[in-house]
Amino acid sequence: MLIKNALASLLFALTAGVALGAESKGPCAADAKNFCYGVQPGESRIYKCMMSHQAQLARACRDRMKAINDKFDRLAKACESDSEKYCNGVPPGDGRILSCLKNHESDLDKSCVRALKRARNDRSMTQ
């Protein structure tokens, strides 16, 4: 599921403060800094790093990851066919597939449009 993998990568770029800068905040910021410091962002590297340390993460971080991952699963499912139709050649990573979907928003299935709007309005998915 191409869109799921792309959104999973975007998940940590948007939510957990895993740019690993000094301003990082959120329940995963300390774990990201501890386990994944020095990991170059992009191509799901930080997400993969965090997942490889999942058992060692703070409970609040694991809970946050699961909750947001569930939301992204619903978004990915709602937009899967549109992603394949309009964004098939778009390389995943750095929010490119999400940007592609936004660029085609007027052509998307209503369920995908609703899911994208819910995601935009859900602060847990954008902080």
C-alpha atoms as a PDB file:
ATOM      1  CA  MET A   1       0.000   0.000   0.000  1.00  0.00           C
ATOM      2  CA  LEU A   2       2.066   2.856  -1.377  1.00  0.00           C
ATOM      3  CA  ILE A   3       0.054   5.671   0.178  1.00  0.00           C
ATOM      4  CA  LYS A   4       0.255   4.073   3.645  1.00  0.00           C
ATOM      5  CA  ASN A   5       4.049   3.954   3.489  1.00  0.00           C
ATOM      6  CA  ALA A   6       4.259   7.528   2.257  1.00  0.00           C
ATOM      7  CA  LEU A   7       1.899   8.759   4.967  1.00  0.00           C
ATOM      8  CA  ALA A   8       3.766   6.834   7.634  1.00  0.00           C
ATOM      9  CA  SER A   9       6.901   8.713   6.687  1.00  0.00           C
ATOM     10  CA  LEU A  10       5.029  11.996   6.778  1.00  0.00           C
ATOM     11  CA  LEU A  11       3.607  11.044  10.156  1.00  0.00           C
ATOM     12  CA  PHE A  12       6.847  11.670  11.964  1.00  0.00           C
ATOM     13  CA  ALA A  13       7.812  14.685   9.951  1.00  0.00           C
ATOM     14  CA  LEU A  14       4.584  16.333  11.121  1.00  0.00           C
ATOM     15  CA  THR A  15       3.836  14.960  14.551  1.00  0.00           C
ATOM     16  CA  ALA A  16       6.541  13.822  16.863  1.00  0.00           C
ATOM     17  CA  GLY A  17       9.113  16.551  16.633  1.00  0.00           C
ATOM     18  CA  VAL A  18      11.497  14.215  14.939  1.00  0.00           C
ATOM     19  CA  ALA A  19      13.298  16.838  12.984  1.00  0.00           C
ATOM     20  CA  LEU A  20      15.321  16.410  16.173  1.00  0.00           C
ATOM     21  CA  GLY A  21      16.001  20.081  16.498  1.00  0.00           C
ATOM     22  CA  ALA A  22      16.162  21.914  19.794  1.00  0.00           C
ATOM     23  CA  GLU A  23      12.480  22.894  19.525  1.00  0.00           C
ATOM     24  CA  SER A  24      11.262  19.296  19.280  1.00  0.00           C
ATOM     25  CA  LYS A  25       8.171  18.712  21.395  1.00  0.00           C
ATOM     26  CA  GLY A  26       5.598  16.026  21.918  1.00  0.00           C
ATOM     27  CA  PRO A  27       5.528  12.615  23.540  1.00  0.00           C
ATOM     28  CA  CYS A  28       8.045  11.151  21.069  1.00  0.00           C
ATOM     29  CA  ALA A  29      10.594  13.966  20.988  1.00  0.00           C
ATOM     30  CA  ALA A  30      12.835  12.564  23.735  1.00  0.00           C
ATOM     31  CA  ASP A  31      12.700   9.042  22.314  1.00  0.00           C
ATOM     32  CA  ALA A  32      13.419  10.278  18.789  1.00  0.00           C
ATOM     33  CA  LYS A  33      16.410  12.214  20.046  1.00  0.00           C
ATOM     34  CA  ASN A  34      17.602   9.299  22.179  1.00  0.00           C
ATOM     35  CA  PHE A  35      17.220   6.499  19.634  1.00  0.00           C
ATOM     36  CA  CYS A  36      17.337   8.242  16.266  1.00  0.00           C
ATOM     37  CA  TYR A  37      19.591  11.248  16.710  1.00  0.00           C
ATOM     38  CA  GLY A  38      21.656  11.691  13.597  1.00  0.00           C
ATOM     39  CA  VAL A  39      19.234   9.774  11.379  1.00  0.00           C
ATOM     40  CA  GLN A  40      18.705  11.800   8.220  1.00  0.00           C
ATOM     41  CA  PRO A  41      15.008  12.669   7.789  1.00  0.00           C
ATOM     42  CA  GLY A  42      13.278  11.464   4.630  1.00  0.00           C
ATOM     43  CA  GLU A  43      12.424   8.184   2.951  1.00  0.00           C
ATOM     44  CA  SER A  44      10.846   6.889   6.182  1.00  0.00           C
ATOM     45  CA  ARG A  45      14.236   6.605   7.914  1.00  0.00           C
ATOM     46  CA  ILE A  46      13.128   8.189  11.196  1.00  0.00           C
ATOM     47  CA  TYR A  47       9.877   6.247  11.186  1.00  0.00           C
ATOM     48  CA  LYS A  48      11.785   3.004  10.603  1.00  0.00           C
ATOM     49  CA  CYS A  49      14.261   3.913  13.336  1.00  0.00           C
ATOM     50  CA  MET A  50      11.466   4.616  15.813  1.00  0.00           C
ATOM     51  CA  MET A  51       9.686   1.394  14.871  1.00  0.00           C
ATOM     52  CA  SER A  52      12.904  -0.576  15.377  1.00  0.00           C
ATOM     53  CA  HIS A  53      12.976   0.750  18.955  1.00  0.00           C
ATOM     54  CA  GLN A  54       9.239   0.473  19.557  1.00  0.00           C
ATOM     55  CA  ALA A  55       9.588  -1.769  22.608  1.00  0.00           C
ATOM     56  CA  GLN A  56      11.938   0.758  24.198  1.00  0.00           C
ATOM     57  CA  LEU A  57       9.799   3.836  23.579  1.00  0.00           C
ATOM     58  CA  ALA A  58       7.955   5.600  26.360  1.00  0.00           C
ATOM     59  CA  ARG A  59       4.369   4.430  26.714  1.00  0.00           C
ATOM     60  CA  ALA A  60       3.070   7.909  25.785  1.00  0.00           C
ATOM     61  CA  CYS A  61       5.085   7.815  22.575  1.00  0.00           C
ATOM     62  CA  ARG A  62       3.910   4.299  21.676  1.00  0.00           C
ATOM     63  CA  ASP A  63       0.306   5.336  22.366  1.00  0.00           C
ATOM     64  CA  ARG A  64       0.687   8.484  20.252  1.00  0.00           C
ATOM     65  CA  MET A  65       2.265   6.538  17.400  1.00  0.00           C
ATOM     66  CA  LYS A  66      -0.539   3.971  17.443  1.00  0.00           C
ATOM     67  CA  ALA A  67      -3.321   6.555  17.576  1.00  0.00           C
ATOM     68  CA  ILE A  68      -1.919   8.600  14.724  1.00  0.00           C
ATOM     69  CA  ASN A  69      -1.014   5.514  12.729  1.00  0.00           C
ATOM     70  CA  ASP A  70      -4.634   4.368  13.022  1.00  0.00           C
ATOM     71  CA  LYS A  71      -5.800   7.735  11.670  1.00  0.00           C
ATOM     72  CA  PHE A  72      -3.354   7.555   8.795  1.00  0.00           C
ATOM     73  CA  ASP A  73      -4.534   3.999   8.064  1.00  0.00           C
ATOM     74  CA  ARG A  74      -8.081   5.304   7.668  1.00  0.00           C
ATOM     75  CA  LEU A  75      -6.859   8.150   5.439  1.00  0.00           C
ATOM     76  CA  ALA A  76      -4.758   5.771   3.349  1.00  0.00           C
ATOM     77  CA  LYS A  77      -7.669   3.369   2.923  1.00  0.00           C
ATOM     78  CA  ALA A  78     -10.042   6.160   1.897  1.00  0.00           C
ATOM     79  CA  CYS A  79      -7.562   7.508  -0.661  1.00  0.00           C
ATOM     80  CA  GLU A  80      -5.880   4.331  -1.871  1.00  0.00           C
ATOM     81  CA  SER A  81      -7.591   4.120  -5.268  1.00  0.00           C
ATOM     82  CA  ASP A  82      -7.193   7.864  -5.896  1.00  0.00           C
ATOM     83  CA  SER A  83      -3.534   7.647  -4.936  1.00  0.00           C
ATOM     84  CA  GLU A  84      -2.995   4.838  -7.416  1.00  0.00           C
ATOM     85  CA  LYS A  85      -4.957   6.673 -10.102  1.00  0.00           C
ATOM     86  CA  TYR A  86      -3.452  10.172  -9.798  1.00  0.00           C
ATOM     87  CA  CYS A  87      -0.139   9.702  -7.991  1.00  0.00           C
ATOM     88  CA  ASN A  88       1.149   6.365  -9.286  1.00  0.00           C
ATOM     89  CA  GLY A  89       4.471   7.747 -10.549  1.00  0.00           C
ATOM     90  CA  VAL A  90       5.071  10.042  -7.585  1.00  0.00           C
ATOM     91  CA  PRO A  91       7.975   8.835  -5.449  1.00  0.00           C
ATOM     92  CA  PRO A  92       6.989   8.424  -1.788  1.00  0.00           C
ATOM     93  CA  GLY A  93       8.536  10.557   0.906  1.00  0.00           C
ATOM     94  CA  ASP A  94       8.611  14.171   1.998  1.00  0.00           C
ATOM     95  CA  GLY A  95       4.827  14.470   1.643  1.00  0.00           C
ATOM     96  CA  ARG A  96       4.889  14.172  -2.161  1.00  0.00           C
ATOM     97  CA  ILE A  97       1.930  11.791  -2.387  1.00  0.00           C
ATOM     98  CA  LEU A  98      -0.123  13.884   0.006  1.00  0.00           C
ATOM     99  CA  SER A  99       0.728  16.965  -2.080  1.00  0.00           C
ATOM    100  CA  CYS A 100      -0.267  15.085  -5.219  1.00  0.00           C
ATOM    101  CA  LEU A 101      -3.627  14.213  -3.695  1.00  0.00           C
ATOM    102  CA  LYS A 102      -4.161  17.819  -2.655  1.00  0.00           C
ATOM    103  CA  ASN A 103      -3.352  18.942  -6.222  1.00  0.00           C
ATOM    104  CA  HIS A 104      -6.059  16.593  -7.523  1.00  0.00           C
ATOM    105  CA  GLU A 105      -8.580  17.312  -4.787  1.00  0.00           C
ATOM    106  CA  SER A 106     -11.323  18.353  -7.225  1.00  0.00           C
ATOM    107  CA  ASP A 107     -10.993  14.963  -8.982  1.00  0.00           C
ATOM    108  CA  LEU A 108     -10.882  12.763  -5.877  1.00  0.00           C
ATOM    109  CA  ASP A 109     -13.561  10.433  -4.589  1.00  0.00           C
ATOM    110  CA  LYS A 110     -15.762  12.073  -1.951  1.00  0.00           C
ATOM    111  CA  SER A 111     -14.584   9.664   0.759  1.00  0.00           C
ATOM    112  CA  CYS A 112     -10.964  10.635   0.107  1.00  0.00           C
ATOM    113  CA  VAL A 113     -11.803  14.355   0.141  1.00  0.00           C
ATOM    114  CA  ARG A 114     -13.618  13.926   3.465  1.00  0.00           C
ATOM    115  CA  ALA A 115     -10.659  11.991   4.901  1.00  0.00           C
ATOM    116  CA  LEU A 116      -8.216  14.689   3.767  1.00  0.00           C
ATOM    117  CA  LYS A 117     -10.372  17.399   5.342  1.00  0.00           C
ATOM    118  CA  ARG A 118     -10.608  15.440   8.596  1.00  0.00           C
ATOM    119  CA  ALA A 119      -6.824  15.048   8.580  1.00  0.00           C
ATOM    120  CA  ARG A 120      -6.318  18.784   8.038  1.00  0.00           C
ATOM    121  CA  ASN A 121      -8.645  19.581  10.934  1.00  0.00           C
ATOM    122  CA  ASP A 122      -7.204  16.958  13.292  1.00  0.00           C
ATOM    123  CA  ARG A 123      -4.484  18.714  15.254  1.00  0.00           C
ATOM    124  CA  SER A 124      -2.987  15.389  16.392  1.00  0.00           C
ATOM    125  CA  MET A 125      -2.093  14.644  12.770  1.00  0.00           C
ATOM    126  CA  THR A 126      -0.497  18.008  12.076  1.00  0.00           C
ATOM    127  CA  GLN A 127       1.438  18.728  15.253  1.00  0.00           C
END
